[in-house]
Amino acid sequence: MEKQHINLEIIFNKAEKLRNNGNFVEAINLFKKILKENPNFKPALNNIANCYFKLNNYDLAENYYLSCLKLNQDNIVILNNLSLLYLKIKNFKKALSTLQESLNKNINQESEIEKVAYCLTELNLINKVDKFCKENIKKYPKNKIILSYYRRNLFELGKHEEALEAYQKETGVIELDNDKVSIT
């Protein structure tokens, strides 16, 4: 039994090396070989999903991420990987619900909060963007991404003076769709 464990570890390490070198198809084959011996081995399931994601085979990637989540619903890494997949295919509703599930498990994920603001913006939920960004600007006052979604949203809400006041605190460029306005 110990020898089988060592062999699976060797196969896993070889598959990881292949994945890290961009040999995704070969890596998938080795990870699947591991799954034949240990069908619920979460690292292999997640790595297969990651490989399929890199190969732009999003349906299979989603299936493997979901299989992995069934085994461990509290795994934030898998939830965040799945949300990235949904963002990549522009399924903002699924991305939003997956991100919210991840944030329910750990609210202190600044990059996932940025992605929620993005999803809300893409779904044109301007009132929710306003509320969400206001809440999170308090927590992350220097986060340029959250601030950007908030400021753009102020313009969408017709709060032009408030938006301009917010922009006056910074230098750079305001970008509204295809229009750019310099700030000095």
Protein backbone atom coordinates (compact mmCIF):
# COMPACT_ATOMS: atom_id res chain seq x y z
CA MET A 1 0.00 0.00 0.00
CA GLU A 2 2.84 2.39 0.85
CA LYS A 3 4.43 1.78 -2.55
CA GLN A 4 1.19 2.82 -4.29
CA HIS A 5 1.15 6.06 -2.25
CA ILE A 6 4.73 6.81 -3.29
CA ASN A 7 3.96 6.07 -6.95
CA LEU A 8 0.94 8.40 -6.88
CA GLU A 9 3.08 11.09 -5.29
CA ILE A 10 5.70 10.69 -8.01
CA ILE A 11 3.01 10.86 -10.70
CA PHE A 12 1.46 13.92 -9.05
CA ASN A 13 4.81 15.72 -8.88
CA LYS A 14 5.50 14.91 -12.53
CA ALA A 15 2.03 16.14 -13.52
CA GLU A 16 2.58 19.36 -11.55
CA LYS A 17 5.87 19.91 -13.35
CA LEU A 18 4.20 19.37 -16.72
CA ARG A 19 1.39 21.79 -15.79
CA ASN A 20 3.87 24.41 -14.62
CA ASN A 21 5.74 24.06 -17.92
CA GLY A 22 2.57 24.51 -19.96
CA ASN A 23 2.19 20.87 -21.02
CA PHE A 24 -1.45 20.85 -20.01
CA VAL A 25 -2.66 17.85 -22.01
CA GLU A 26 0.09 15.59 -20.68
CA ALA A 27 -0.52 16.90 -17.16
CA ILE A 28 -4.26 16.16 -17.47
CA ASN A 29 -3.49 12.58 -18.49
CA LEU A 30 -1.31 12.05 -15.42
CA PHE A 31 -3.79 13.71 -13.05
CA LYS A 32 -6.53 11.46 -14.48
CA LYS A 33 -4.31 8.46 -13.84
CA ILE A 34 -4.20 9.52 -10.20
CA LEU A 35 -7.99 9.86 -10.12
CA LYS A 36 -8.37 6.26 -11.28
CA GLU A 37 -6.67 5.20 -8.05
CA ASN A 38 -8.09 7.96 -5.87
CA PRO A 39 -11.26 9.42 -7.49
CA ASN A 40 -11.81 12.05 -4.77
CA PHE A 41 -8.29 13.47 -4.72
CA LYS A 42 -9.08 17.21 -4.68
CA PRO A 43 -5.65 18.48 -5.77
CA ALA A 44 -5.84 16.37 -8.94
CA LEU A 45 -9.41 17.53 -9.66
CA ASN A 46 -8.44 21.17 -9.16
CA ASN A 47 -5.31 20.82 -11.29
CA ILE A 48 -7.25 19.18 -14.10
CA ALA A 49 -9.72 22.08 -13.95
CA ASN A 50 -6.84 24.56 -14.03
CA CYS A 51 -5.33 22.80 -17.05
CA TYR A 52 -8.62 22.82 -18.93
CA PHE A 53 -9.00 26.50 -18.06
CA LYS A 54 -5.58 27.21 -19.57
CA LEU A 55 -6.61 25.23 -22.67
CA ASN A 56 -9.77 27.42 -22.94
CA ASN A 57 -11.95 24.34 -22.45
CA TYR A 58 -14.23 26.09 -19.99
CA ASP A 59 -17.00 23.49 -19.87
CA LEU A 60 -14.64 20.76 -18.71
CA ALA A 61 -12.87 23.15 -16.35
CA GLU A 62 -16.20 24.06 -14.78
CA ASN A 63 -17.13 20.39 -14.38
CA TYR A 64 -13.89 19.62 -12.56
CA TYR A 65 -14.12 22.70 -10.33
CA LEU A 66 -17.69 21.74 -9.42
CA SER A 67 -16.61 18.16 -8.70
CA CYS A 68 -13.93 19.48 -6.42
CA LEU A 69 -16.40 21.78 -4.67
CA LYS A 70 -18.75 18.88 -4.01
CA LEU A 71 -15.96 17.30 -1.99
CA ASN A 72 -15.15 20.50 -0.10
CA GLN A 73 -17.75 23.25 -0.25
CA ASP A 74 -15.70 25.52 2.02
CA ASN A 75 -12.69 25.66 -0.29
CA ILE A 76 -12.23 29.34 -1.07
CA VAL A 77 -9.49 28.67 -3.63
CA ILE A 78 -11.83 26.52 -5.72
CA LEU A 79 -14.63 29.07 -5.42
CA ASN A 80 -12.27 31.82 -6.56
CA ASN A 81 -10.98 29.70 -9.45
CA LEU A 82 -14.56 29.01 -10.51
CA SER A 83 -15.43 32.70 -10.30
CA LEU A 84 -12.45 33.49 -12.56
CA LEU A 85 -13.77 31.00 -15.06
CA TYR A 86 -17.19 32.66 -15.00
CA LEU A 87 -15.60 36.07 -15.41
CA LYS A 88 -13.55 34.80 -18.35
CA ILE A 89 -16.67 33.58 -20.16
CA LYS A 90 -18.55 36.76 -19.14
CA ASN A 91 -21.17 34.93 -17.11
CA PHE A 92 -21.37 37.73 -14.56
CA LYS A 93 -24.38 36.35 -12.70
CA LYS A 94 -22.64 33.06 -11.92
CA ALA A 95 -19.39 34.88 -11.16
CA LEU A 96 -21.20 37.19 -8.76
CA SER A 97 -22.94 34.40 -6.86
CA THR A 98 -19.72 32.38 -6.64
CA LEU A 99 -17.77 35.41 -5.43
CA GLN A 100 -20.43 36.17 -2.83
CA GLU A 101 -20.21 32.59 -1.61
CA SER A 102 -16.45 32.94 -1.30
CA LEU A 103 -16.77 36.25 0.55
CA ASN A 104 -19.32 34.70 2.91
CA LYS A 105 -16.58 32.28 3.93
CA ASN A 106 -13.90 34.98 4.21
CA ILE A 107 -14.85 38.64 3.88
CA ASN A 108 -11.20 39.77 3.89
CA GLN A 109 -10.45 39.07 0.23
CA GLU A 110 -9.74 42.43 -1.35
CA SER A 111 -9.20 41.08 -4.87
CA GLU A 112 -12.52 39.21 -4.75
CA ILE A 113 -14.27 42.38 -3.58
CA GLU A 114 -12.83 44.12 -6.65
CA LYS A 115 -14.31 41.38 -8.82
CA VAL A 116 -17.74 41.75 -7.19
CA ALA A 117 -17.65 45.48 -7.98
CA TYR A 118 -16.78 44.58 -11.58
CA CYS A 119 -19.65 42.06 -11.82
CA LEU A 120 -22.16 44.49 -10.36
CA THR A 121 -20.98 47.12 -12.85
CA GLU A 122 -21.19 44.74 -15.81
CA LEU A 123 -24.68 43.68 -14.73
CA ASN A 124 -25.60 47.38 -14.66
CA LEU A 125 -26.78 47.17 -11.04
CA ILE A 126 -25.89 50.80 -10.38
CA ASN A 127 -27.61 51.12 -7.00
CA LYS A 128 -25.92 47.95 -5.76
CA VAL A 129 -22.55 49.16 -7.11
CA ASP A 130 -22.99 52.39 -5.19
CA LYS A 131 -23.82 50.68 -1.89
CA PHE A 132 -21.22 47.91 -2.27
CA CYS A 133 -18.40 50.26 -3.22
CA LYS A 134 -19.22 52.76 -0.46
CA GLU A 135 -19.05 49.96 2.11
CA ASN A 136 -15.79 48.60 0.80
CA ILE A 137 -14.08 51.96 0.29
CA LYS A 138 -14.35 52.37 4.05
CA LYS A 139 -12.45 49.10 4.46
CA TYR A 140 -10.01 49.64 1.57
CA PRO A 141 -9.78 53.45 1.13
CA LYS A 142 -6.74 53.28 -1.18
CA ASN A 143 -8.00 50.54 -3.47
CA LYS A 144 -7.93 52.19 -6.89
CA ILE A 145 -10.11 49.55 -8.54
CA ILE A 146 -12.98 49.83 -6.07
CA LEU A 147 -12.66 53.63 -6.15
CA SER A 148 -12.76 53.58 -9.94
CA TYR A 149 -15.98 51.55 -10.08
CA TYR A 150 -17.50 53.79 -7.43
CA ARG A 151 -16.61 57.02 -9.24
CA ARG A 152 -17.76 55.78 -12.63
CA ASN A 153 -20.97 54.67 -11.01
CA LEU A 154 -21.54 58.12 -9.52
CA PHE A 155 -21.64 59.48 -13.07
CA GLU A 156 -24.10 56.73 -14.03
CA LEU A 157 -26.31 57.77 -11.10
CA GLY A 158 -26.16 61.38 -12.30
CA LYS A 159 -24.17 62.46 -9.24
CA HIS A 160 -21.73 64.45 -11.35
CA GLU A 161 -20.59 66.92 -8.70
CA GLU A 162 -19.93 64.16 -6.18
CA ALA A 163 -18.07 62.17 -8.84
CA LEU A 164 -15.91 65.14 -9.80
CA GLU A 165 -15.15 65.84 -6.13
CA ALA A 166 -14.03 62.27 -5.73
CA TYR A 167 -11.83 62.56 -8.81
CA GLN A 168 -10.27 65.83 -7.64
CA LYS A 169 -8.60 63.95 -4.81
CA GLU A 170 -6.42 62.10 -7.30
CA THR A 171 -4.35 62.71 -10.37
CA GLY A 172 -4.38 60.65 -13.51
CA VAL A 173 -6.94 60.03 -16.19
CA ILE A 174 -10.68 59.57 -15.96
CA GLU A 175 -11.89 57.00 -18.43
CA LEU A 176 -15.59 56.91 -19.24
CA ASP A 177 -16.20 54.33 -21.91
CA ASN A 178 -14.09 55.67 -24.80
CA ASP A 179 -13.74 59.22 -23.51
CA LYS A 180 -10.67 60.23 -21.51
CA VAL A 181 -10.34 63.33 -19.36
CA SER A 182 -7.01 64.32 -17.82
CA ILE A 183 -6.85 65.31 -14.17
CA THR A 184 -4.06 67.51 -12.86
